Amino acid sequence: MAGHDPALLTVQHLKAQFVPPESRLEAVGELGYAYLIFAARPWPQGAEPGDAGPLAAFTSDEDATASAAHVVLPGRSLRS
């Protein structure tokens, strides 16, 4: 997976695109998969892109992770 390429997630009626940190791309490349967590409840506050503090607090909350959907997706490159 090349750095600075967007990661794409397409699900029926939903399409998300973002540029993940290089460390995340490397991890997906090594593992061959990405582990996604879809929260069932909204963040109590927003955060700016790249602001890891609020995201870490939200994702480490037991209630947030217990009520979330957990999905393992294969990591693939669009440039195969």
C-alpha atoms as a PDB file:
ATOM      1  CA  MET A   1       0.000   0.000   0.000  1.00  0.00           C
ATOM      2  CA  ALA A   2       1.524   3.291  -1.062  1.00  0.00           C
ATOM      3  CA  GLY A   3       1.695   6.197   1.366  1.00  0.00           C
ATOM      4  CA  HIS A   4      -0.667   9.142   1.080  1.00  0.00           C
ATOM      5  CA  ASP A   5      -3.194   7.200  -0.983  1.00  0.00           C
ATOM      6  CA  PRO A   6      -6.738   7.425   0.310  1.00  0.00           C
ATOM      7  CA  ALA A   7      -8.312   4.490   2.073  1.00  0.00           C
ATOM      8  CA  LEU A   8     -11.755   3.709   0.686  1.00  0.00           C
ATOM      9  CA  LEU A   9     -14.677   2.013   2.355  1.00  0.00           C
ATOM     10  CA  THR A  10     -17.754   1.407   0.260  1.00  0.00           C
ATOM     11  CA  VAL A  11     -20.893  -0.120   1.726  1.00  0.00           C
ATOM     12  CA  GLN A  12     -24.353   0.088   0.198  1.00  0.00           C
ATOM     13  CA  HIS A  13     -25.528   3.722   0.600  1.00  0.00           C
ATOM     14  CA  LEU A  14     -22.237   4.729   2.277  1.00  0.00           C
ATOM     15  CA  LYS A  15     -18.845   5.698   0.897  1.00  0.00           C
ATOM     16  CA  ALA A  16     -16.016   6.969   3.082  1.00  0.00           C
ATOM     17  CA  GLN A  17     -12.589   8.140   1.944  1.00  0.00           C
ATOM     18  CA  PHE A  18      -9.665   9.410   4.016  1.00  0.00           C
ATOM     19  CA  VAL A  19      -5.855   9.448   4.058  1.00  0.00           C
ATOM     20  CA  PRO A  20      -4.713   7.285   6.985  1.00  0.00           C
ATOM     21  CA  PRO A  21      -1.378   7.739   8.751  1.00  0.00           C
ATOM     22  CA  GLU A  22       1.530   5.854   7.165  1.00  0.00           C
ATOM     23  CA  SER A  23       1.801   3.623  10.268  1.00  0.00           C
ATOM     24  CA  ARG A  24      -1.777   2.391   9.729  1.00  0.00           C
ATOM     25  CA  LEU A  25      -1.111   1.598   6.067  1.00  0.00           C
ATOM     26  CA  GLU A  26       2.020  -0.320   7.024  1.00  0.00           C
ATOM     27  CA  ALA A  27       0.109  -2.296   9.663  1.00  0.00           C
ATOM     28  CA  VAL A  28      -2.631  -3.240   7.179  1.00  0.00           C
ATOM     29  CA  GLY A  29       0.047  -4.214   4.660  1.00  0.00           C
ATOM     30  CA  GLU A  30       1.752  -6.485   7.196  1.00  0.00           C
ATOM     31  CA  LEU A  31      -1.420  -7.981   8.683  1.00  0.00           C
ATOM     32  CA  GLY A  32      -3.429  -8.166   5.476  1.00  0.00           C
ATOM     33  CA  TYR A  33      -6.568  -6.800   7.134  1.00  0.00           C
ATOM     34  CA  ALA A  34      -8.057  -3.757   8.853  1.00  0.00           C
ATOM     35  CA  TYR A  35     -10.125  -3.927  12.034  1.00  0.00           C
ATOM     36  CA  LEU A  36     -12.949  -1.388  11.988  1.00  0.00           C
ATOM     37  CA  ILE A  37     -15.235  -0.369  14.809  1.00  0.00           C
ATOM     38  CA  PHE A  38     -18.553   1.307  13.956  1.00  0.00           C
ATOM     39  CA  ALA A  39     -19.921   3.062  17.001  1.00  0.00           C
ATOM     40  CA  ALA A  40     -23.623   2.721  17.713  1.00  0.00           C
ATOM     41  CA  ARG A  41     -23.669   5.992  19.631  1.00  0.00           C
ATOM     42  CA  PRO A  42     -22.348   9.423  18.590  1.00  0.00           C
ATOM     43  CA  TRP A  43     -19.252  11.065  19.980  1.00  0.00           C
ATOM     44  CA  PRO A  44     -20.157  13.327  22.897  1.00  0.00           C
ATOM     45  CA  GLN A  45     -17.930  15.953  21.209  1.00  0.00           C
ATOM     46  CA  GLY A  46     -16.382  16.435  17.798  1.00  0.00           C
ATOM     47  CA  ALA A  47     -12.690  16.506  16.977  1.00  0.00           C
ATOM     48  CA  GLU A  48     -10.474  17.900  14.281  1.00  0.00           C
ATOM     49  CA  PRO A  49      -8.942  15.433  11.766  1.00  0.00           C
ATOM     50  CA  GLY A  50      -5.702  14.082  13.195  1.00  0.00           C
ATOM     51  CA  ASP A  51      -6.651  14.916  16.802  1.00  0.00           C
ATOM     52  CA  ALA A  52      -6.024  11.521  18.370  1.00  0.00           C
ATOM     53  CA  GLY A  53      -6.863  12.458  21.985  1.00  0.00           C
ATOM     54  CA  PRO A  54     -10.673  12.611  21.755  1.00  0.00           C
ATOM     55  CA  LEU A  55     -10.737   9.564  19.463  1.00  0.00           C
ATOM     56  CA  ALA A  56      -8.615   7.534  21.885  1.00  0.00           C
ATOM     57  CA  ALA A  57     -10.857   8.501  24.809  1.00  0.00           C
ATOM     58  CA  PHE A  58     -13.996   7.533  22.880  1.00  0.00           C
ATOM     59  CA  THR A  59     -12.655   4.226  21.557  1.00  0.00           C
ATOM     60  CA  SER A  60     -11.316   3.167  24.956  1.00  0.00           C
ATOM     61  CA  ASP A  61     -14.702   3.711  26.607  1.00  0.00           C
ATOM     62  CA  GLU A  62     -16.176   0.286  27.486  1.00  0.00           C
ATOM     63  CA  ASP A  63     -19.764   1.303  26.714  1.00  0.00           C
ATOM     64  CA  ALA A  64     -18.766   2.624  23.283  1.00  0.00           C
ATOM     65  CA  THR A  65     -16.887  -0.534  22.289  1.00  0.00           C
ATOM     66  CA  ALA A  66     -19.435  -2.937  23.776  1.00  0.00           C
ATOM     67  CA  SER A  67     -22.283  -1.404  21.768  1.00  0.00           C
ATOM     68  CA  ALA A  68     -20.276  -1.031  18.538  1.00  0.00           C
ATOM     69  CA  ALA A  69     -20.091  -3.265  15.482  1.00  0.00           C
ATOM     70  CA  HIS A  70     -16.645  -4.819  15.022  1.00  0.00           C
ATOM     71  CA  VAL A  71     -15.611  -5.719  11.462  1.00  0.00           C
ATOM     72  CA  VAL A  72     -12.465  -7.276   9.977  1.00  0.00           C
ATOM     73  CA  LEU A  73     -11.906  -6.324   6.331  1.00  0.00           C
ATOM     74  CA  PRO A  74      -9.215  -7.578   3.951  1.00  0.00           C
ATOM     75  CA  GLY A  75      -6.596  -4.981   3.078  1.00  0.00           C
ATOM     76  CA  ARG A  76      -6.285  -4.577  -0.681  1.00  0.00           C
ATOM     77  CA  SER A  77      -4.627  -2.095  -2.948  1.00  0.00           C
ATOM     78  CA  LEU A  78      -6.458  -0.319  -5.749  1.00  0.00           C
ATOM     79  CA  ARG A  79      -3.203  -0.512  -7.702  1.00  0.00           C
ATOM     80  CA  SER A  80      -2.809  -4.274  -7.849  1.00  0.00           C
END
